[in-house]
Amino acid sequence: AVKNDVRTFRNYEMTYHRPTTETPDGTP
């Protein structure tokens, strides 16, 4: 009803890319 993506995937792959900049305390 709230339009969530309710699909389930087997063999799913998700790639995260390192942030380009970040301060020493971790905030962008």
mmCIF file of all heavy atoms, coordinates in Angstrom:
data_MODEL
# 
_entry.id   MODEL 
# 
loop_
_atom_site.group_PDB 
_atom_site.id 
_atom_site.type_symbol 
_atom_site.label_atom_id 
_atom_site.label_alt_id 
_atom_site.label_comp_id 
_atom_site.label_asym_id 
_atom_site.label_entity_id 
_atom_site.label_seq_id 
_atom_site.pdbx_PDB_ins_code 
_atom_site.Cartn_x 
_atom_site.Cartn_y 
_atom_site.Cartn_z 
_atom_site.occupancy 
_atom_site.B_iso_or_equiv 
_atom_site.pdbx_formal_charge 
_atom_site.auth_seq_id 
_atom_site.auth_comp_id 
_atom_site.auth_asym_id 
_atom_site.auth_atom_id 
_atom_site.pdbx_PDB_model_num 
ATOM 1   N N   . ALA A 1 1  ? 0.818  -1.220  0.000  1.00 0.00 ? 1  ALA A N   1 
ATOM 2   C CA  . ALA A 1 1  ? 0.000  0.000   0.000  1.00 0.00 ? 1  ALA A CA  1 
ATOM 3   C C   . ALA A 1 1  ? 0.850  1.268   0.000  1.00 0.00 ? 1  ALA A C   1 
ATOM 4   O O   . ALA A 1 1  ? 0.458  2.278   -0.590 1.00 0.00 ? 1  ALA A O   1 
ATOM 5   C CB  . ALA A 1 1  ? -0.950 0.003   1.193  1.00 0.00 ? 1  ALA A CB  1 
ATOM 6   N N   . VAL A 1 2  ? 2.012  1.238   0.641  1.00 0.00 ? 2  VAL A N   1 
ATOM 7   C CA  . VAL A 1 2  ? 2.885  2.426   0.657  1.00 0.00 ? 2  VAL A CA  1 
ATOM 8   C C   . VAL A 1 2  ? 3.942  2.359   -0.451 1.00 0.00 ? 2  VAL A C   1 
ATOM 9   O O   . VAL A 1 2  ? 4.887  3.138   -0.453 1.00 0.00 ? 2  VAL A O   1 
ATOM 10  C CB  . VAL A 1 2  ? 3.542  2.646   2.041  1.00 0.00 ? 2  VAL A CB  1 
ATOM 11  C CG1 . VAL A 1 2  ? 2.488  2.919   3.100  1.00 0.00 ? 2  VAL A CG1 1 
ATOM 12  C CG2 . VAL A 1 2  ? 4.444  1.494   2.429  1.00 0.00 ? 2  VAL A CG2 1 
ATOM 13  N N   . LYS A 1 3  ? 3.760  1.418   -1.366 1.00 0.00 ? 3  LYS A N   1 
ATOM 14  C CA  . LYS A 1 3  ? 4.617  1.275   -2.546 1.00 0.00 ? 3  LYS A CA  1 
ATOM 15  C C   . LYS A 1 3  ? 6.054  0.861   -2.231 1.00 0.00 ? 3  LYS A C   1 
ATOM 16  O O   . LYS A 1 3  ? 7.001  1.249   -2.937 1.00 0.00 ? 3  LYS A O   1 
ATOM 17  C CB  . LYS A 1 3  ? 4.577  2.537   -3.399 1.00 0.00 ? 3  LYS A CB  1 
ATOM 18  C CG  . LYS A 1 3  ? 3.188  2.850   -3.934 1.00 0.00 ? 3  LYS A CG  1 
ATOM 19  C CD  . LYS A 1 3  ? 3.207  4.055   -4.834 1.00 0.00 ? 3  LYS A CD  1 
ATOM 20  C CE  . LYS A 1 3  ? 1.907  4.375   -5.517 1.00 0.00 ? 3  LYS A CE  1 
ATOM 21  N NZ  . LYS A 1 3  ? 0.677  4.092   -4.969 1.00 0.00 ? 3  LYS A NZ  1 
ATOM 22  N N   . ASN A 1 4  ? 6.244  0.079   -1.168 1.00 0.00 ? 4  ASN A N   1 
ATOM 23  C CA  . ASN A 1 4  ? 7.558  -0.514  -0.904 1.00 0.00 ? 4  ASN A CA  1 
ATOM 24  C C   . ASN A 1 4  ? 7.866  -1.519  -2.006 1.00 0.00 ? 4  ASN A C   1 
ATOM 25  O O   . ASN A 1 4  ? 6.963  -2.158  -2.547 1.00 0.00 ? 4  ASN A O   1 
ATOM 26  C CB  . ASN A 1 4  ? 7.561  -1.268  0.427  1.00 0.00 ? 4  ASN A CB  1 
ATOM 27  C CG  . ASN A 1 4  ? 7.789  -0.374  1.612  1.00 0.00 ? 4  ASN A CG  1 
ATOM 28  O OD1 . ASN A 1 4  ? 7.832  0.841   1.497  1.00 0.00 ? 4  ASN A OD1 1 
ATOM 29  N ND2 . ASN A 1 4  ? 7.928  -0.980  2.772  1.00 0.00 ? 4  ASN A ND2 1 
ATOM 30  N N   . ASP A 1 5  ? 9.137  -1.678  -2.296 1.00 0.00 ? 5  ASP A N   1 
ATOM 31  C CA  . ASP A 1 5  ? 9.568  -2.725  -3.213 1.00 0.00 ? 5  ASP A CA  1 
ATOM 32  C C   . ASP A 1 5  ? 9.545  -4.037  -2.427 1.00 0.00 ? 5  ASP A C   1 
ATOM 33  O O   . ASP A 1 5  ? 10.380 -4.266  -1.562 1.00 0.00 ? 5  ASP A O   1 
ATOM 34  C CB  . ASP A 1 5  ? 10.977 -2.428  -3.722 1.00 0.00 ? 5  ASP A CB  1 
ATOM 35  C CG  . ASP A 1 5  ? 11.472 -3.455  -4.733 1.00 0.00 ? 5  ASP A CG  1 
ATOM 36  O OD1 . ASP A 1 5  ? 10.795 -4.489  -4.939 1.00 0.00 ? 5  ASP A OD1 1 
ATOM 37  O OD2 . ASP A 1 5  ? 12.549 -3.229  -5.312 1.00 0.00 ? 5  ASP A OD2 1 
ATOM 38  N N   . VAL A 1 6  ? 8.549  -4.867  -2.690 1.00 0.00 ? 6  VAL A N   1 
ATOM 39  C CA  . VAL A 1 6  ? 8.371  -6.100  -1.918 1.00 0.00 ? 6  VAL A CA  1 
ATOM 40  C C   . VAL A 1 6  ? 8.910  -7.329  -2.651 1.00 0.00 ? 6  VAL A C   1 
ATOM 41  O O   . VAL A 1 6  ? 8.637  -8.455  -2.256 1.00 0.00 ? 6  VAL A O   1 
ATOM 42  C CB  . VAL A 1 6  ? 6.887  -6.304  -1.520 1.00 0.00 ? 6  VAL A CB  1 
ATOM 43  C CG1 . VAL A 1 6  ? 6.437  -5.233  -0.544 1.00 0.00 ? 6  VAL A CG1 1 
ATOM 44  C CG2 . VAL A 1 6  ? 5.985  -6.328  -2.750 1.00 0.00 ? 6  VAL A CG2 1 
ATOM 45  N N   . ARG A 1 7  ? 9.694  -7.098  -3.674 1.00 0.00 ? 7  ARG A N   1 
ATOM 46  C CA  . ARG A 1 7  ? 10.298 -8.227  -4.381 1.00 0.00 ? 7  ARG A CA  1 
ATOM 47  C C   . ARG A 1 7  ? 11.432 -8.815  -3.543 1.00 0.00 ? 7  ARG A C   1 
ATOM 48  O O   . ARG A 1 7  ? 12.103 -8.102  -2.797 1.00 0.00 ? 7  ARG A O   1 
ATOM 49  C CB  . ARG A 1 7  ? 10.851 -7.786  -5.737 1.00 0.00 ? 7  ARG A CB  1 
ATOM 50  C CG  . ARG A 1 7  ? 9.782  -7.293  -6.698 1.00 0.00 ? 7  ARG A CG  1 
ATOM 51  C CD  . ARG A 1 7  ? 10.384 -6.743  -7.954 1.00 0.00 ? 7  ARG A CD  1 
ATOM 52  N NE  . ARG A 1 7  ? 11.219 -5.571  -7.639 1.00 0.00 ? 7  ARG A NE  1 
ATOM 53  C CZ  . ARG A 1 7  ? 12.070 -5.014  -8.500 1.00 0.00 ? 7  ARG A CZ  1 
ATOM 54  N NH1 . ARG A 1 7  ? 12.210 -5.517  -9.710 1.00 0.00 ? 7  ARG A NH1 1 
ATOM 55  N NH2 . ARG A 1 7  ? 12.778 -3.962  -8.144 1.00 0.00 ? 7  ARG A NH2 1 
ATOM 56  N N   . THR A 1 8  ? 11.622 -10.116 -3.686 1.00 0.00 ? 8  THR A N   1 
ATOM 57  C CA  . THR A 1 8  ? 12.729 -10.821 -3.046 1.00 0.00 ? 8  THR A CA  1 
ATOM 58  C C   . THR A 1 8  ? 13.578 -11.407 -4.156 1.00 0.00 ? 8  THR A C   1 
ATOM 59  O O   . THR A 1 8  ? 13.042 -11.981 -5.103 1.00 0.00 ? 8  THR A O   1 
ATOM 60  C CB  . THR A 1 8  ? 12.207 -11.933 -2.119 1.00 0.00 ? 8  THR A CB  1 
ATOM 61  O OG1 . THR A 1 8  ? 11.398 -11.338 -1.104 1.00 0.00 ? 8  THR A OG1 1 
ATOM 62  C CG2 . THR A 1 8  ? 13.346 -12.702 -1.470 1.00 0.00 ? 8  THR A CG2 1 
ATOM 63  N N   . PHE A 1 9  ? 14.890 -11.249 -4.064 1.00 0.00 ? 9  PHE A N   1 
ATOM 64  C CA  . PHE A 1 9  ? 15.806 -11.746 -5.086 1.00 0.00 ? 9  PHE A CA  1 
ATOM 65  C C   . PHE A 1 9  ? 16.780 -12.734 -4.491 1.00 0.00 ? 9  PHE A C   1 
ATOM 66  O O   . PHE A 1 9  ? 17.429 -12.447 -3.494 1.00 0.00 ? 9  PHE A O   1 
ATOM 67  C CB  . PHE A 1 9  ? 16.633 -10.603 -5.688 1.00 0.00 ? 9  PHE A CB  1 
ATOM 68  C CG  . PHE A 1 9  ? 15.830 -9.547  -6.382 1.00 0.00 ? 9  PHE A CG  1 
ATOM 69  C CD1 . PHE A 1 9  ? 15.606 -8.321  -5.772 1.00 0.00 ? 9  PHE A CD1 1 
ATOM 70  C CD2 . PHE A 1 9  ? 15.312 -9.774  -7.648 1.00 0.00 ? 9  PHE A CD2 1 
ATOM 71  C CE1 . PHE A 1 9  ? 14.882 -7.340  -6.412 1.00 0.00 ? 9  PHE A CE1 1 
ATOM 72  C CE2 . PHE A 1 9  ? 14.579 -8.791  -8.287 1.00 0.00 ? 9  PHE A CE2 1 
ATOM 73  C CZ  . PHE A 1 9  ? 14.362 -7.569  -7.673 1.00 0.00 ? 9  PHE A CZ  1 
ATOM 74  N N   . ARG A 1 10 ? 16.914 -13.895 -5.101 1.00 0.00 ? 10 ARG A N   1 
ATOM 75  C CA  . ARG A 1 10 ? 18.004 -14.812 -4.799 1.00 0.00 ? 10 ARG A CA  1 
ATOM 76  C C   . ARG A 1 10 ? 19.158 -14.412 -5.721 1.00 0.00 ? 10 ARG A C   1 
ATOM 77  O O   . ARG A 1 10 ? 18.945 -13.783 -6.751 1.00 0.00 ? 10 ARG A O   1 
ATOM 78  C CB  . ARG A 1 10 ? 17.620 -16.249 -5.088 1.00 0.00 ? 10 ARG A CB  1 
ATOM 79  C CG  . ARG A 1 10 ? 16.595 -16.776 -4.126 1.00 0.00 ? 10 ARG A CG  1 
ATOM 80  C CD  . ARG A 1 10 ? 16.618 -18.298 -4.081 1.00 0.00 ? 10 ARG A CD  1 
ATOM 81  N NE  . ARG A 1 10 ? 15.447 -18.782 -3.402 1.00 0.00 ? 10 ARG A NE  1 
ATOM 82  C CZ  . ARG A 1 10 ? 15.257 -18.722 -2.097 1.00 0.00 ? 10 ARG A CZ  1 
ATOM 83  N NH1 . ARG A 1 10 ? 16.166 -18.188 -1.321 1.00 0.00 ? 10 ARG A NH1 1 
ATOM 84  N NH2 . ARG A 1 10 ? 14.167 -19.199 -1.559 1.00 0.00 ? 10 ARG A NH2 1 
ATOM 85  N N   . ASN A 1 11 ? 20.375 -14.775 -5.376 1.00 0.00 ? 11 ASN A N   1 
ATOM 86  C CA  . ASN A 1 11 ? 21.552 -14.439 -6.183 1.00 0.00 ? 11 ASN A CA  1 
ATOM 87  C C   . ASN A 1 11 ? 21.667 -12.935 -6.422 1.00 0.00 ? 11 ASN A C   1 
ATOM 88  O O   . ASN A 1 11 ? 22.050 -12.487 -7.492 1.00 0.00 ? 11 ASN A O   1 
ATOM 89  C CB  . ASN A 1 11 ? 21.524 -15.202 -7.517 1.00 0.00 ? 11 ASN A CB  1 
ATOM 90  C CG  . ASN A 1 11 ? 21.452 -16.691 -7.297 1.00 0.00 ? 11 ASN A CG  1 
ATOM 91  O OD1 . ASN A 1 11 ? 22.172 -17.240 -6.480 1.00 0.00 ? 11 ASN A OD1 1 
ATOM 92  N ND2 . ASN A 1 11 ? 20.540 -17.348 -7.998 1.00 0.00 ? 11 ASN A ND2 1 
ATOM 93  N N   . TYR A 1 12 ? 21.314 -12.178 -5.403 1.00 0.00 ? 12 TYR A N   1 
ATOM 94  C CA  . TYR A 1 12 ? 21.373 -10.716 -5.480 1.00 0.00 ? 12 TYR A CA  1 
ATOM 95  C C   . TYR A 1 12 ? 22.793 -10.240 -5.211 1.00 0.00 ? 12 TYR A C   1 
ATOM 96  O O   . TYR A 1 12 ? 23.503 -10.829 -4.390 1.00 0.00 ? 12 TYR A O   1 
ATOM 97  C CB  . TYR A 1 12 ? 20.423 -10.121 -4.431 1.00 0.00 ? 12 TYR A CB  1 
ATOM 98  C CG  . TYR A 1 12 ? 20.300 -8.623  -4.472 1.00 0.00 ? 12 TYR A CG  1 
ATOM 99  C CD1 . TYR A 1 12 ? 19.602 -7.993  -5.497 1.00 0.00 ? 12 TYR A CD1 1 
ATOM 100 C CD2 . TYR A 1 12 ? 20.861 -7.834  -3.482 1.00 0.00 ? 12 TYR A CD2 1 
ATOM 101 C CE1 . TYR A 1 12 ? 19.478 -6.612  -5.530 1.00 0.00 ? 12 TYR A CE1 1 
ATOM 102 C CE2 . TYR A 1 12 ? 20.738 -6.452  -3.501 1.00 0.00 ? 12 TYR A CE2 1 
ATOM 103 C CZ  . TYR A 1 12 ? 20.049 -5.847  -4.531 1.00 0.00 ? 12 TYR A CZ  1 
ATOM 104 O OH  . TYR A 1 12 ? 19.916 -4.485  -4.564 1.00 0.00 ? 12 TYR A OH  1 
ATOM 105 N N   . GLU A 1 13 ? 23.212 -9.218  -5.903 1.00 0.00 ? 13 GLU A N   1 
ATOM 106 C CA  . GLU A 1 13 ? 24.526 -8.617  -5.683 1.00 0.00 ? 13 GLU A CA  1 
ATOM 107 C C   . GLU A 1 13 ? 24.355 -7.111  -5.567 1.00 0.00 ? 13 GLU A C   1 
ATOM 108 O O   . GLU A 1 13 ? 23.685 -6.492  -6.387 1.00 0.00 ? 13 GLU A O   1 
ATOM 109 C CB  . GLU A 1 13 ? 25.481 -8.917  -6.838 1.00 0.00 ? 13 GLU A CB  1 
ATOM 110 C CG  . GLU A 1 13 ? 25.812 -10.386 -6.964 1.00 0.00 ? 13 GLU A CG  1 
ATOM 111 C CD  . GLU A 1 13 ? 26.800 -10.678 -8.081 1.00 0.00 ? 13 GLU A CD  1 
ATOM 112 O OE1 . GLU A 1 13 ? 27.457 -9.728  -8.575 1.00 0.00 ? 13 GLU A OE1 1 
ATOM 113 O OE2 . GLU A 1 13 ? 26.909 -11.849 -8.456 1.00 0.00 ? 13 GLU A OE2 1 
ATOM 114 N N   . MET A 1 14 ? 24.981 -6.534  -4.548 1.00 0.00 ? 14 MET A N   1 
ATOM 115 C CA  . MET A 1 14 ? 24.943 -5.091  -4.348 1.00 0.00 ? 14 MET A CA  1 
ATOM 116 C C   . MET A 1 14 ? 26.369 -4.607  -4.117 1.00 0.00 ? 14 MET A C   1 
ATOM 117 O O   . MET A 1 14 ? 27.081 -5.154  -3.278 1.00 0.00 ? 14 MET A O   1 
ATOM 118 C CB  . MET A 1 14 ? 24.063 -4.733  -3.165 1.00 0.00 ? 14 MET A CB  1 
ATOM 119 C CG  . MET A 1 14 ? 23.844 -3.265  -2.985 1.00 0.00 ? 14 MET A CG  1 
ATOM 120 S SD  . MET A 1 14 ? 22.559 -3.001  -1.744 1.00 0.00 ? 14 MET A SD  1 
ATOM 121 C CE  . MET A 1 14 ? 22.001 -1.390  -2.228 1.00 0.00 ? 14 MET A CE  1 
ATOM 122 N N   . THR A 1 15 ? 26.769 -3.614  -4.889 1.00 0.00 ? 15 THR A N   1 
ATOM 123 C CA  . THR A 1 15 ? 28.121 -3.067  -4.813 1.00 0.00 ? 15 THR A CA  1 
ATOM 124 C C   . THR A 1 15 ? 28.070 -1.672  -4.217 1.00 0.00 ? 15 THR A C   1 
ATOM 125 O O   . THR A 1 15 ? 27.300 -0.823  -4.668 1.00 0.00 ? 15 THR A O   1 
ATOM 126 C CB  . THR A 1 15 ? 28.761 -3.020  -6.213 1.00 0.00 ? 15 THR A CB  1 
ATOM 127 O OG1 . THR A 1 15 ? 28.823 -4.356  -6.730 1.00 0.00 ? 15 THR A OG1 1 
ATOM 128 C CG2 . THR A 1 15 ? 30.165 -2.436  -6.153 1.00 0.00 ? 15 THR A CG2 1 
ATOM 129 N N   . TYR A 1 16 ? 28.891 -1.463  -3.194 1.00 0.00 ? 16 TYR A N   1 
ATOM 130 C CA  . TYR A 1 16 ? 29.040 -0.159  -2.560 1.00 0.00 ? 16 TYR A CA  1 
ATOM 131 C C   . TYR A 1 16 ? 30.357 0.443   -3.031 1.00 0.00 ? 16 TYR A C   1 
ATOM 132 O O   . TYR A 1 16 ? 31.375 -0.239  -3.073 1.00 0.00 ? 16 TYR A O   1 
ATOM 133 C CB  . TYR A 1 16 ? 29.066 -0.284  -1.037 1.00 0.00 ? 16 TYR A CB  1 
ATOM 134 C CG  . TYR A 1 16 ? 27.781 -0.784  -0.450 1.00 0.00 ? 16 TYR A CG  1 
ATOM 135 C CD1 . TYR A 1 16 ? 27.583 -2.138  -0.211 1.00 0.00 ? 16 TYR A CD1 1 
ATOM 136 C CD2 . TYR A 1 16 ? 26.767 0.099   -0.118 1.00 0.00 ? 16 TYR A CD2 1 
ATOM 137 C CE1 . TYR A 1 16 ? 26.398 -2.603  0.338  1.00 0.00 ? 16 TYR A CE1 1 
ATOM 138 C CE2 . TYR A 1 16 ? 25.569 -0.352  0.430  1.00 0.00 ? 16 TYR A CE2 1 
ATOM 139 C CZ  . TYR A 1 16 ? 25.402 -1.697  0.653  1.00 0.00 ? 16 TYR A CZ  1 
ATOM 140 O OH  . TYR A 1 16 ? 24.223 -2.148  1.184  1.00 0.00 ? 16 TYR A OH  1 
ATOM 141 N N   . HIS A 1 17 ? 30.336 1.742   -3.356 1.00 0.00 ? 17 HIS A N   1 
ATOM 142 C CA  . HIS A 1 17 ? 31.522 2.452   -3.829 1.00 0.00 ? 17 HIS A CA  1 
ATOM 143 C C   . HIS A 1 17 ? 32.015 3.385   -2.727 1.00 0.00 ? 17 HIS A C   1 
ATOM 144 O O   . HIS A 1 17 ? 31.218 4.097   -2.112 1.00 0.00 ? 17 HIS A O   1 
ATOM 145 C CB  . HIS A 1 17 ? 31.191 3.238   -5.095 1.00 0.00 ? 17 HIS A CB  1 
ATOM 146 C CG  . HIS A 1 17 ? 30.661 2.357   -6.188 1.00 0.00 ? 17 HIS A CG  1 
ATOM 147 N ND1 . HIS A 1 17 ? 31.472 1.778   -7.137 1.00 0.00 ? 17 HIS A ND1 1 
ATOM 148 C CD2 . HIS A 1 17 ? 29.399 1.912   -6.455 1.00 0.00 ? 17 HIS A CD2 1 
ATOM 149 C CE1 . HIS A 1 17 ? 30.740 1.042   -7.944 1.00 0.00 ? 17 HIS A CE1 1 
ATOM 150 N NE2 . HIS A 1 17 ? 29.477 1.106   -7.559 1.00 0.00 ? 17 HIS A NE2 1 
ATOM 151 N N   . ARG A 1 18 ? 33.317 3.376   -2.491 1.00 0.00 ? 18 ARG A N   1 
ATOM 152 C CA  . ARG A 1 18 ? 33.913 4.203   -1.447 1.00 0.00 ? 18 ARG A CA  1 
ATOM 153 C C   . ARG A 1 18 ? 33.552 5.673   -1.676 1.00 0.00 ? 18 ARG A C   1 
ATOM 154 O O   . ARG A 1 18 ? 33.635 6.164   -2.793 1.00 0.00 ? 18 ARG A O   1 
ATOM 155 C CB  . ARG A 1 18 ? 35.431 4.045   -1.452 1.00 0.00 ? 18 ARG A CB  1 
ATOM 156 C CG  . ARG A 1 18 ? 36.136 4.863   -0.374 1.00 0.00 ? 18 ARG A CG  1 
ATOM 157 C CD  . ARG A 1 18 ? 37.662 4.768   -0.493 1.00 0.00 ? 18 ARG A CD  1 
ATOM 158 N NE  . ARG A 1 18 ? 38.140 3.411   -0.391 1.00 0.00 ? 18 ARG A NE  1 
ATOM 159 C CZ  . ARG A 1 18 ? 38.301 2.740   0.758  1.00 0.00 ? 18 ARG A CZ  1 
ATOM 160 N NH1 . ARG A 1 18 ? 38.006 3.302   1.899  1.00 0.00 ? 18 ARG A NH1 1 
ATOM 161 N NH2 . ARG A 1 18 ? 38.751 1.509   0.752  1.00 0.00 ? 18 ARG A NH2 1 
ATOM 162 N N   . PRO A 1 19 ? 33.147 6.395   -0.611 1.00 0.00 ? 19 PRO A N   1 
ATOM 163 C CA  . PRO A 1 19 ? 32.874 7.823   -0.765 1.00 0.00 ? 19 PRO A CA  1 
ATOM 164 C C   . PRO A 1 19 ? 34.137 8.556   -1.234 1.00 0.00 ? 19 PRO A C   1 
ATOM 165 O O   . PRO A 1 19 ? 35.247 8.178   -0.853 1.00 0.00 ? 19 PRO A O   1 
ATOM 166 C CB  . PRO A 1 19 ? 32.475 8.289   0.639  1.00 0.00 ? 19 PRO A CB  1 
ATOM 167 C CG  . PRO A 1 19 ? 32.236 7.060   1.429  1.00 0.00 ? 19 PRO A CG  1 
ATOM 168 C CD  . PRO A 1 19 ? 32.954 5.938   0.752  1.00 0.00 ? 19 PRO A CD  1 
ATOM 169 N N   . THR A 1 20 ? 33.950 9.586   -2.038 1.00 0.00 ? 20 THR A N   1 
ATOM 170 C CA  . THR A 1 20 ? 35.105 10.299  -2.575 1.00 0.00 ? 20 THR A CA  1 
ATOM 171 C C   . THR A 1 20 ? 35.764 11.199  -1.545 1.00 0.00 ? 20 THR A C   1 
ATOM 172 O O   . THR A 1 20 ? 36.976 11.375  -1.567 1.00 0.00 ? 20 THR A O   1 
ATOM 173 C CB  . THR A 1 20 ? 34.711 11.134  -3.809 1.00 0.00 ? 20 THR A CB  1 
ATOM 174 O OG1 . THR A 1 20 ? 33.625 11.994  -3.436 1.00 0.00 ? 20 THR A OG1 1 
ATOM 175 C CG2 . THR A 1 20 ? 34.285 10.238  -4.948 1.00 0.00 ? 20 THR A CG2 1 
ATOM 176 N N   . THR A 1 21 ? 34.987 11.776  -0.632 1.00 0.00 ? 21 THR A N   1 
ATOM 177 C CA  . THR A 1 21 ? 35.557 12.622  0.422  1.00 0.00 ? 21 THR A CA  1 
ATOM 178 C C   . THR A 1 21 ? 34.857 12.342  1.737  1.00 0.00 ? 21 THR A C   1 
ATOM 179 O O   . THR A 1 21 ? 33.689 11.985  1.776  1.00 0.00 ? 21 THR A O   1 
ATOM 180 C CB  . THR A 1 21 ? 35.396 14.125  0.096  1.00 0.00 ? 21 THR A CB  1 
ATOM 181 O OG1 . THR A 1 21 ? 34.009 14.403  -0.061 1.00 0.00 ? 21 THR A OG1 1 
ATOM 182 C CG2 . THR A 1 21 ? 36.148 14.509  -1.153 1.00 0.00 ? 21 THR A CG2 1 
ATOM 183 N N   . GLU A 1 22 ? 35.631 12.510  2.806  1.00 0.00 ? 22 GLU A N   1 
ATOM 184 C CA  . GLU A 1 22 ? 35.066 12.294  4.139  1.00 0.00 ? 22 GLU A CA  1 
ATOM 185 C C   . GLU A 1 22 ? 35.998 12.954  5.153  1.00 0.00 ? 22 GLU A C   1 
ATOM 186 O O   . GLU A 1 22 ? 37.210 12.925  4.998  1.00 0.00 ? 22 GLU A O   1 
ATOM 187 C CB  . GLU A 1 22 ? 34.955 10.798  4.406  1.00 0.00 ? 22 GLU A CB  1 
ATOM 188 C CG  . GLU A 1 22 ? 34.098 10.466  5.570  1.00 0.00 ? 22 GLU A CG  1 
ATOM 189 C CD  . GLU A 1 22 ? 33.458 9.084   5.422  1.00 0.00 ? 22 GLU A CD  1 
ATOM 190 O OE1 . GLU A 1 22 ? 34.034 8.210   4.760  1.00 0.00 ? 22 GLU A OE1 1 
ATOM 191 O OE2 . GLU A 1 22 ? 32.380 8.905   5.969  1.00 0.00 ? 22 GLU A OE2 1 
ATOM 192 N N   . THR A 1 23 ? 35.427 13.543  6.172  1.00 0.00 ? 23 THR A N   1 
ATOM 193 C CA  . THR A 1 23 ? 36.240 14.194  7.195  1.00 0.00 ? 23 THR A CA  1 
ATOM 194 C C   . THR A 1 23 ? 36.679 13.152  8.226  1.00 0.00 ? 23 THR A C   1 
ATOM 195 O O   . THR A 1 23 ? 36.129 12.054  8.278  1.00 0.00 ? 23 THR A O   1 
ATOM 196 C CB  . THR A 1 23 ? 35.442 15.309  7.900  1.00 0.00 ? 23 THR A CB  1 
ATOM 197 O OG1 . THR A 1 23 ? 34.302 14.724  8.518  1.00 0.00 ? 23 THR A OG1 1 
ATOM 198 C CG2 . THR A 1 23 ? 35.007 16.376  6.921  1.00 0.00 ? 23 THR A CG2 1 
ATOM 199 N N   . PRO A 1 24 ? 37.652 13.471  9.087  1.00 0.00 ? 24 PRO A N   1 
ATOM 200 C CA  . PRO A 1 24 ? 38.138 12.500  10.081 1.00 0.00 ? 24 PRO A CA  1 
ATOM 201 C C   . PRO A 1 24 ? 37.046 11.973  11.006 1.00 0.00 ? 24 PRO A C   1 
ATOM 202 O O   . PRO A 1 24 ? 37.126 10.844  11.471 1.00 0.00 ? 24 PRO A O   1 
ATOM 203 C CB  . PRO A 1 24 ? 39.188 13.291  10.857 1.00 0.00 ? 24 PRO A CB  1 
ATOM 204 C CG  . PRO A 1 24 ? 39.652 14.331  9.915  1.00 0.00 ? 24 PRO A CG  1 
ATOM 205 C CD  . PRO A 1 24 ? 38.442 14.696  9.087  1.00 0.00 ? 24 PRO A CD  1 
ATOM 206 N N   . ASP A 1 25 ? 35.998 12.755  11.293 1.00 0.00 ? 25 ASP A N   1 
ATOM 207 C CA  . ASP A 1 25 ? 34.946 12.253  12.181 1.00 0.00 ? 25 ASP A CA  1 
ATOM 208 C C   . ASP A 1 25 ? 33.914 11.412  11.435 1.00 0.00 ? 25 ASP A C   1 
ATOM 209 O O   . ASP A 1 25 ? 32.952 10.940  12.013 1.00 0.00 ? 25 ASP A O   1 
ATOM 210 C CB  . ASP A 1 25 ? 34.260 13.395  12.938 1.00 0.00 ? 25 ASP A CB  1 
ATOM 211 C CG  . ASP A 1 25 ? 33.409 14.291  12.034 1.00 0.00 ? 25 ASP A CG  1 
ATOM 212 O OD1 . ASP A 1 25 ? 33.405 14.084  10.800 1.00 0.00 ? 25 ASP A OD1 1 
ATOM 213 O OD2 . ASP A 1 25 ? 32.747 15.182  12.584 1.00 0.00 ? 25 ASP A OD2 1 
ATOM 214 N N   . GLY A 1 26 ? 34.110 11.236  10.129 1.00 0.00 ? 26 GLY A N   1 
ATOM 215 C CA  . GLY A 1 26 ? 33.221 10.377  9.359  1.00 0.00 ? 26 GLY A CA  1 
ATOM 216 C C   . GLY A 1 26 ? 32.102 11.105  8.646  1.00 0.00 ? 26 GLY A C   1 
ATOM 217 O O   . GLY A 1 26 ? 31.395 10.512  7.856  1.00 0.00 ? 26 GLY A O   1 
ATOM 218 N N   . THR A 1 27 ? 31.916 12.391  8.897  1.00 0.00 ? 27 THR A N   1 
ATOM 219 C CA  . THR A 1 27 ? 30.841 13.106  8.219  1.00 0.00 ? 27 THR A CA  1 
ATOM 220 C C   . THR A 1 27 ? 31.301 13.521  6.832  1.00 0.00 ? 27 THR A C   1 
ATOM 221 O O   . THR A 1 27 ? 32.457 13.881  6.635  1.00 0.00 ? 27 THR A O   1 
ATOM 222 C CB  . THR A 1 27 ? 30.390 14.357  9.010  1.00 0.00 ? 27 THR A CB  1 
ATOM 223 O OG1 . THR A 1 27 ? 31.527 15.208  9.169  1.00 0.00 ? 27 THR A OG1 1 
ATOM 224 C CG2 . THR A 1 27 ? 29.815 13.983  10.347 1.00 0.00 ? 27 THR A CG2 1 
ATOM 225 N N   . PRO A 1 28 ? 30.408 13.464  5.851  1.00 0.00 ? 28 PRO A N   1 
ATOM 226 C CA  . PRO A 1 28 ? 30.807 13.877  4.505  1.00 0.00 ? 28 PRO A CA  1 
ATOM 227 C C   . PRO A 1 28 ? 31.149 15.370  4.486  1.00 0.00 ? 28 PRO A C   1 
ATOM 228 O O   . PRO A 1 28 ? 30.546 16.153  5.198  1.00 0.00 ? 28 PRO A O   1 
ATOM 229 C CB  . PRO A 1 28 ? 29.561 13.602  3.664  1.00 0.00 ? 28 PRO A CB  1 
ATOM 230 C CG  . PRO A 1 28 ? 28.703 12.712  4.476  1.00 0.00 ? 28 PRO A CG  1 
ATOM 231 C CD  . PRO A 1 28 ? 29.039 12.982  5.914  1.00 0.00 ? 28 PRO A CD  1 
# 
